[in-house]
Amino acid sequence: MIRPRYNNLLDTIGNTPLAKINFQTPAQVFAKLEYLNPGGSVKDRSSLYMIEHAEKTGLLKPGGTIVEASSGNQGVACAMIGALKGYRVIITVSEKISQEKLQTIQAYGAEVVMCPSTSFIEDPRSYHSQAVAIARSIENSFMPNQYFNILNAQAHYTLLAPEIWEQTEGKVTHYFAAAGTGGTVSGVGRYLKERNPNVKIIALDSSNSWRSTNGNPQPYKIEGIGIDFETPVLAKDIIDEIIPVTDADGLGMLPKMARQYGLLLGPSSGAAAWALEHYARTRLTKDDCAVVIFSDSGRAYLTKGFYAQPQDHHLTATSYKEKQTSI
């Protein structure tokens, strides 16, 4: 009898690779490739953790409905998990979601409710407010509520952080992660600080977020990043520094990471890569070991046009031959 290593798809979540990035710095710099999770992002971990906690505590019962607000990746993860476990899934999203993520959520059979992009999460039109209203209207429904549920951070404390500690043999000195809900940077950060209080925890924020603008947020293009409200998920007490990143810098890093390092990253990971590269140039030494989270892949954003260069264009077979002949 064949004994598979994994009993089902959900068992494959986690144990993602830690790959070295050859930035021009004397320090060792590594990327945790979370986009290699089966749902394509770090959100697989937190979604599964919160859903299975809800099952164990009776908040989610067989035949129930999962309702969640998401900029995309959490929605994909919930849709994938819901499909495997047999739940109805409803995901509310902002209209700035990429077509790839929208279609992926739908491909898993989840229902999508499109909401206008709003400046404040409390706005009754926001995708978060709409998710809360929908969950309240459906009997036997459960909302993971990633923006305010502290289990979001607990998931990464329990599942992601030990992997980073073990893969670096406890030598990590700096940890970089984009802050959206705050779960990834906070959960991993707390674990690392408990093992070594000297580890520096650096969060990346949008320069146009509610926090960066002192309560006067402006629109920004990067998805999955931006401290736009007060939440218990974000552990400010363990974060050493928050670096604001502009759309131009974060998105501008994406073609470079793909073409120089072979890493096709999502926008929030581009922001993290930009911050780490600039930090590493002047503030890291040969004794340092930095880890950055690359939370999702650029394949989920290709139609956004973030990765093209001015010289990029298609050639037909005929035009290619003509070009070669003229060289």
Protein backbone atom coordinates (compact mmCIF):
# COMPACT_ATOMS: atom_id res chain seq x y z
CA MET A 1 0.00 0.00 0.00
CA ILE A 2 1.23 3.47 -0.90
CA ARG A 3 1.59 5.69 2.13
CA PRO A 4 1.55 9.31 0.96
CA ARG A 5 3.55 11.88 2.85
CA TYR A 6 0.52 14.17 2.83
CA ASN A 7 -3.01 13.03 3.57
CA ASN A 8 -4.55 15.97 1.72
CA LEU A 9 -3.74 19.30 0.13
CA LEU A 10 -3.90 21.21 3.40
CA ASP A 11 -1.05 19.14 4.83
CA THR A 12 1.23 20.72 2.21
CA ILE A 13 0.81 24.20 3.67
CA GLY A 14 4.06 25.43 5.22
CA ASN A 15 7.66 24.22 5.15
CA THR A 16 8.43 26.73 2.41
CA PRO A 17 12.03 27.25 1.24
CA LEU A 18 14.40 29.90 2.54
CA ALA A 19 16.46 31.14 -0.41
CA LYS A 20 19.51 33.40 -0.38
CA ILE A 21 19.32 36.70 -2.28
CA ASN A 22 22.62 38.05 -3.56
CA PHE A 23 22.05 41.72 -2.77
CA GLN A 24 25.20 43.85 -2.73
CA THR A 25 25.72 43.69 1.01
CA PRO A 26 28.21 41.98 3.33
CA ALA A 27 25.30 40.50 5.29
CA GLN A 28 23.52 37.26 4.52
CA VAL A 29 20.06 38.01 3.11
CA PHE A 30 17.37 35.34 2.74
CA ALA A 31 13.82 35.26 1.38
CA LYS A 32 11.11 33.05 2.82
CA LEU A 33 9.21 31.99 -0.31
CA GLU A 34 5.66 31.93 1.01
CA TYR A 35 4.19 32.06 -2.49
CA LEU A 36 5.06 28.35 -2.77
CA ASN A 37 2.18 27.46 -0.47
CA PRO A 38 -0.61 25.61 -2.37
CA GLY A 39 -2.91 28.63 -2.44
CA GLY A 40 -0.05 30.85 -3.54
CA SER A 41 0.54 32.99 -0.46
CA VAL A 42 1.38 33.28 3.23
CA LYS A 43 -2.36 33.61 3.90
CA ASP A 44 -2.77 29.84 3.54
CA ARG A 45 -1.28 29.51 7.02
CA SER A 46 -3.45 32.04 8.85
CA SER A 47 -6.65 31.08 7.01
CA LEU A 48 -6.28 27.40 7.86
CA TYR A 49 -5.33 28.18 11.46
CA MET A 50 -8.36 30.39 12.05
CA ILE A 51 -10.80 28.11 10.25
CA GLU A 52 -9.67 24.99 12.09
CA HIS A 53 -9.76 26.86 15.41
CA ALA A 54 -13.35 27.81 14.61
CA GLU A 55 -14.17 24.17 13.87
CA LYS A 56 -12.63 23.00 17.14
CA THR A 57 -14.47 25.61 19.20
CA GLY A 58 -17.83 25.14 17.47
CA LEU A 59 -17.89 28.54 15.77
CA LEU A 60 -17.99 26.82 12.39
CA LYS A 61 -20.14 23.73 11.97
CA PRO A 62 -20.63 21.31 9.07
CA GLY A 63 -22.68 22.87 6.31
CA GLY A 64 -21.69 26.35 7.44
CA THR A 65 -20.55 29.40 5.51
CA ILE A 66 -17.19 31.17 5.63
CA VAL A 67 -17.42 34.92 5.04
CA GLU A 68 -14.27 37.01 4.81
CA ALA A 69 -13.04 40.41 3.64
CA SER A 70 -9.85 40.24 1.62
CA SER A 71 -7.58 42.17 -0.69
CA GLY A 72 -7.21 38.84 -2.45
CA ASN A 73 -4.86 36.30 -0.92
CA GLN A 74 -6.89 35.59 2.21
CA GLY A 75 -9.89 35.16 -0.05
CA VAL A 76 -8.05 32.68 -2.25
CA ALA A 77 -6.92 30.71 0.81
CA CYS A 78 -10.41 30.63 2.34
CA ALA A 79 -11.92 29.61 -0.99
CA MET A 80 -9.41 26.78 -1.42
CA ILE A 81 -9.86 25.52 2.14
CA GLY A 82 -13.63 25.87 1.95
CA ALA A 83 -13.75 23.86 -1.27
CA LEU A 84 -11.81 21.00 0.32
CA LYS A 85 -13.80 21.06 3.56
CA GLY A 86 -17.20 21.50 1.95
CA TYR A 87 -18.16 24.99 3.13
CA ARG A 88 -19.94 27.72 1.24
CA VAL A 89 -17.53 30.65 0.93
CA ILE A 90 -18.34 34.32 0.38
CA ILE A 91 -15.48 36.78 -0.11
CA THR A 92 -15.90 40.56 -0.16
CA VAL A 93 -13.19 42.41 -2.07
CA SER A 94 -12.23 45.93 -3.05
CA GLU A 95 -12.59 46.97 -6.67
CA LYS A 96 -8.78 47.39 -6.90
CA ILE A 97 -8.26 43.61 -6.63
CA SER A 98 -6.29 42.06 -9.51
CA GLN A 99 -8.24 40.08 -12.09
CA GLU A 100 -6.03 37.05 -11.42
CA LYS A 101 -6.91 36.92 -7.74
CA LEU A 102 -10.57 37.60 -8.43
CA GLN A 103 -10.78 34.78 -10.94
CA THR A 104 -8.83 32.43 -8.67
CA ILE A 105 -11.30 32.95 -5.84
CA GLN A 106 -14.15 32.22 -8.23
CA ALA A 107 -12.37 29.18 -9.68
CA TYR A 108 -12.51 27.52 -6.25
CA GLY A 109 -16.28 28.03 -6.27
CA ALA A 110 -16.50 30.93 -3.83
CA GLU A 111 -18.94 33.80 -4.24
CA VAL A 112 -17.43 37.27 -4.62
CA VAL A 113 -18.99 40.56 -3.56
CA MET A 114 -17.27 43.56 -5.17
CA CYS A 115 -17.14 46.71 -3.00
CA PRO A 116 -15.92 50.24 -3.72
CA SER A 117 -12.45 51.27 -2.61
CA THR A 118 -12.81 53.41 0.52
CA SER A 119 -10.38 55.48 2.58
CA PHE A 120 -11.53 54.13 5.93
CA ILE A 121 -12.35 50.56 6.99
CA GLU A 122 -15.29 51.82 9.08
CA ASP A 123 -17.05 53.09 5.96
CA PRO A 124 -20.25 51.00 5.62
CA ARG A 125 -19.43 50.54 1.93
CA SER A 126 -15.98 49.05 2.63
CA TYR A 127 -15.34 45.41 1.90
CA HIS A 128 -14.76 44.76 5.60
CA SER A 129 -18.04 46.36 6.67
CA GLN A 130 -19.89 44.46 3.96
CA ALA A 131 -18.39 41.15 5.12
CA VAL A 132 -19.49 41.83 8.70
CA ALA A 133 -23.03 42.59 7.52
CA ILE A 134 -23.20 39.48 5.34
CA ALA A 135 -21.89 37.22 8.12
CA ARG A 136 -24.51 38.57 10.53
CA SER A 137 -27.28 37.83 8.02
CA ILE A 138 -26.36 34.16 7.47
CA GLU A 139 -27.02 31.50 10.09
CA ASN A 140 -24.09 29.18 10.91
CA SER A 141 -21.58 31.52 9.30
CA PHE A 142 -18.04 32.25 10.45
CA MET A 143 -15.88 35.26 9.63
CA PRO A 144 -12.14 34.75 10.26
CA ASN A 145 -11.90 38.55 10.40
CA GLN A 146 -8.21 38.72 9.58
CA TYR A 147 -8.01 42.46 10.25
CA PHE A 148 -9.00 42.21 13.90
CA ASN A 149 -8.60 38.57 14.94
CA ILE A 150 -5.45 38.06 17.05
CA LEU A 151 -5.39 34.43 15.88
CA ASN A 152 -4.06 35.86 12.63
CA ALA A 153 -0.79 36.74 14.34
CA GLN A 154 -0.93 33.60 16.49
CA ALA A 155 -0.97 31.49 13.32
CA HIS A 156 2.34 32.91 12.17
CA TYR A 157 3.80 32.70 15.67
CA THR A 158 2.90 29.00 15.74
CA LEU A 159 3.54 27.95 12.14
CA LEU A 160 5.82 30.34 10.26
CA ALA A 161 8.18 31.67 12.91
CA PRO A 162 9.63 28.31 14.05
CA GLU A 163 10.51 27.49 10.45
CA ILE A 164 12.49 30.74 10.09
CA TRP A 165 14.28 30.16 13.38
CA GLU A 166 15.22 26.61 12.46
CA GLN A 167 16.17 27.38 8.85
CA THR A 168 18.55 30.15 10.00
CA GLU A 169 19.83 27.99 12.86
CA GLY A 170 18.80 30.76 15.22
CA LYS A 171 21.17 33.24 13.57
CA VAL A 172 18.56 35.65 12.18
CA THR A 173 19.31 39.24 13.25
CA HIS A 174 16.79 41.21 11.15
CA TYR A 175 13.27 40.34 10.03
CA PHE A 176 11.39 42.29 7.32
CA ALA A 177 7.71 41.91 6.46
CA ALA A 178 5.03 44.04 4.84
CA ALA A 179 2.33 45.15 7.27
CA GLY A 180 -1.25 44.91 6.05
CA THR A 181 -3.26 43.19 8.75
CA GLY A 182 -0.04 43.06 10.78
CA GLY A 183 -0.33 39.32 11.39
CA THR A 184 2.83 38.17 9.63
CA VAL A 185 5.20 40.78 11.01
CA SER A 186 3.72 40.55 14.52
CA GLY A 187 3.41 36.80 14.91
CA VAL A 188 6.87 35.99 13.60
CA GLY A 189 8.36 39.06 15.27
CA ARG A 190 7.12 38.11 18.71
CA TYR A 191 8.49 34.56 18.39
CA LEU A 192 11.91 35.80 17.26
CA LYS A 193 12.08 38.41 20.03
CA GLU A 194 11.33 35.74 22.63
CA ARG A 195 14.27 33.69 21.41
CA ASN A 196 16.61 36.62 20.92
CA PRO A 197 15.55 40.10 22.14
CA ASN A 198 18.22 41.66 19.91
CA VAL A 199 16.54 40.60 16.66
CA LYS A 200 15.34 43.71 14.80
CA ILE A 201 11.74 43.56 13.58
CA ILE A 202 11.09 45.87 10.63
CA ALA A 203 7.61 46.42 9.18
CA LEU A 204 6.95 47.93 5.76
CA ASP A 205 4.01 50.30 5.36
CA SER A 206 2.58 52.22 2.42
CA SER A 207 3.65 55.86 2.43
CA ASN A 208 -0.01 56.75 1.74
CA SER A 209 -1.56 54.68 4.54
CA TRP A 210 -3.63 55.96 7.44
CA ARG A 211 -0.63 55.61 9.76
CA SER A 212 1.93 57.16 7.42
CA THR A 213 -0.27 60.18 6.69
CA ASN A 214 -1.33 60.72 10.31
CA GLY A 215 -4.94 59.83 9.64
CA ASN A 216 -5.27 61.31 6.15
CA PRO A 217 -4.84 58.29 3.86
CA GLN A 218 -4.42 58.67 0.12
CA PRO A 219 -5.02 56.04 -2.59
CA TYR A 220 -2.18 53.63 -3.30
CA LYS A 221 -1.68 50.80 -5.77
CA ILE A 222 0.23 48.24 -3.73
CA GLU A 223 -2.09 45.50 -2.45
CA GLY A 224 -1.53 43.63 0.81
CA ILE A 225 0.28 46.47 2.56
CA GLY A 226 -0.80 49.53 4.51
CA ILE A 227 -1.53 50.18 8.20
CA ASP A 228 -4.95 51.75 7.72
CA PHE A 229 -6.57 51.34 11.15
CA GLU A 230 -5.93 50.47 14.77
CA THR A 231 -5.96 46.72 15.33
CA PRO A 232 -4.91 44.35 18.12
CA VAL A 233 -3.29 42.15 15.45
CA LEU A 234 -0.42 44.62 14.98
CA ALA A 235 2.02 44.21 17.88
CA LYS A 236 3.62 47.63 18.02
CA ASP A 237 5.53 46.69 21.17
CA ILE A 238 7.82 44.29 19.33
CA ILE A 239 8.31 46.27 16.10
CA ASP A 240 11.58 48.18 16.08
CA GLU A 241 11.01 50.22 12.95
CA ILE A 242 8.28 50.91 10.39
CA ILE A 243 9.54 51.96 6.95
CA PRO A 244 7.09 53.72 4.60
CA VAL A 245 7.35 52.67 0.94
CA THR A 246 5.96 54.60 -2.02
CA ASP A 247 4.16 52.96 -4.92
CA ALA A 248 6.96 54.09 -7.22
CA ASP A 249 9.67 52.43 -5.12
CA GLY A 250 7.78 49.22 -4.30
CA LEU A 251 6.36 48.64 -7.78
CA GLY A 252 9.58 49.79 -9.41
CA MET A 253 11.41 46.99 -7.62
CA LEU A 254 9.31 44.28 -9.26
CA PRO A 255 10.97 44.16 -12.73
CA LYS A 256 14.41 44.27 -11.09
CA MET A 257 13.64 41.34 -8.80
CA ALA A 258 12.31 39.28 -11.70
CA ARG A 259 15.03 40.08 -14.24
CA GLN A 260 18.08 40.17 -11.96
CA TYR A 261 17.16 37.60 -9.31
CA GLY A 262 14.54 35.39 -10.98
CA LEU A 263 11.98 36.26 -8.30
CA LEU A 264 8.55 37.15 -9.72
CA LEU A 265 7.00 38.85 -6.71
CA GLY A 266 3.70 40.43 -5.76
CA PRO A 267 3.61 44.18 -5.02
CA SER A 268 3.87 43.96 -1.21
CA SER A 269 6.91 41.72 -1.61
CA GLY A 270 8.37 44.28 -4.01
CA ALA A 271 7.97 46.88 -1.27
CA ALA A 272 9.68 44.57 1.22
CA ALA A 273 12.51 43.86 -1.22
CA TRP A 274 13.04 47.58 -1.85
CA ALA A 275 13.17 48.37 1.86
CA LEU A 276 15.53 45.50 2.61
CA GLU A 277 17.91 46.34 -0.23
CA HIS A 278 18.21 49.97 0.84
CA TYR A 279 18.49 49.06 4.53
CA ALA A 280 21.14 46.45 3.79
CA ARG A 281 23.39 48.84 1.88
CA THR A 282 24.20 50.99 4.90
CA ARG A 283 22.92 49.29 8.04
CA LEU A 284 23.82 45.60 7.80
CA THR A 285 27.23 44.09 8.47
CA LYS A 286 28.93 40.78 7.70
CA ASP A 287 27.70 39.47 11.03
CA ASP A 288 24.03 40.05 10.19
CA CYS A 289 21.45 37.62 8.83
CA ALA A 290 18.29 39.19 7.41
CA VAL A 291 15.08 37.37 6.47
CA VAL A 292 12.32 38.89 4.35
CA ILE A 293 8.87 37.47 3.68
CA PHE A 294 7.88 37.19 0.03
CA SER A 295 4.21 36.64 0.61
CA ASP A 296 2.86 36.04 -2.88
CA SER A 297 3.81 35.74 -6.54
CA GLY A 298 3.68 38.23 -9.37
CA ARG A 299 1.61 35.75 -11.36
CA ALA A 300 -1.39 37.06 -9.44
CA TYR A 301 -0.85 40.60 -10.80
CA LEU A 302 0.38 40.26 -14.38
CA THR A 303 -2.59 42.14 -15.87
CA LYS A 304 -1.73 45.14 -13.70
CA GLY A 305 1.26 45.87 -15.96
CA PHE A 306 3.74 46.20 -13.10
CA TYR A 307 6.40 44.00 -14.69
CA ALA A 308 6.69 45.33 -18.25
CA GLN A 309 9.53 47.56 -19.43
CA PRO A 310 9.23 50.19 -22.17
CA GLN A 311 11.16 48.02 -24.61
CA ASP A 312 8.96 44.98 -24.04
CA HIS A 313 6.78 44.03 -26.99
CA HIS A 314 5.63 40.93 -28.82
CA LEU A 315 7.26 39.69 -32.02
CA THR A 316 5.59 37.47 -34.56
CA ALA A 317 7.63 34.62 -36.03
CA THR A 318 7.98 36.62 -39.24
CA SER A 319 9.07 39.84 -37.55
CA TYR A 320 11.53 37.90 -35.40
CA LYS A 321 13.17 36.42 -38.52
CA GLU A 322 13.32 39.87 -40.11
CA LYS A 323 14.93 41.28 -36.98
CA GLN A 324 17.55 38.51 -36.93
CA THR A 325 18.30 39.04 -40.61
CA SER A 326 18.89 42.76 -40.10
CA ILE A 327 21.35 42.21 -37.25
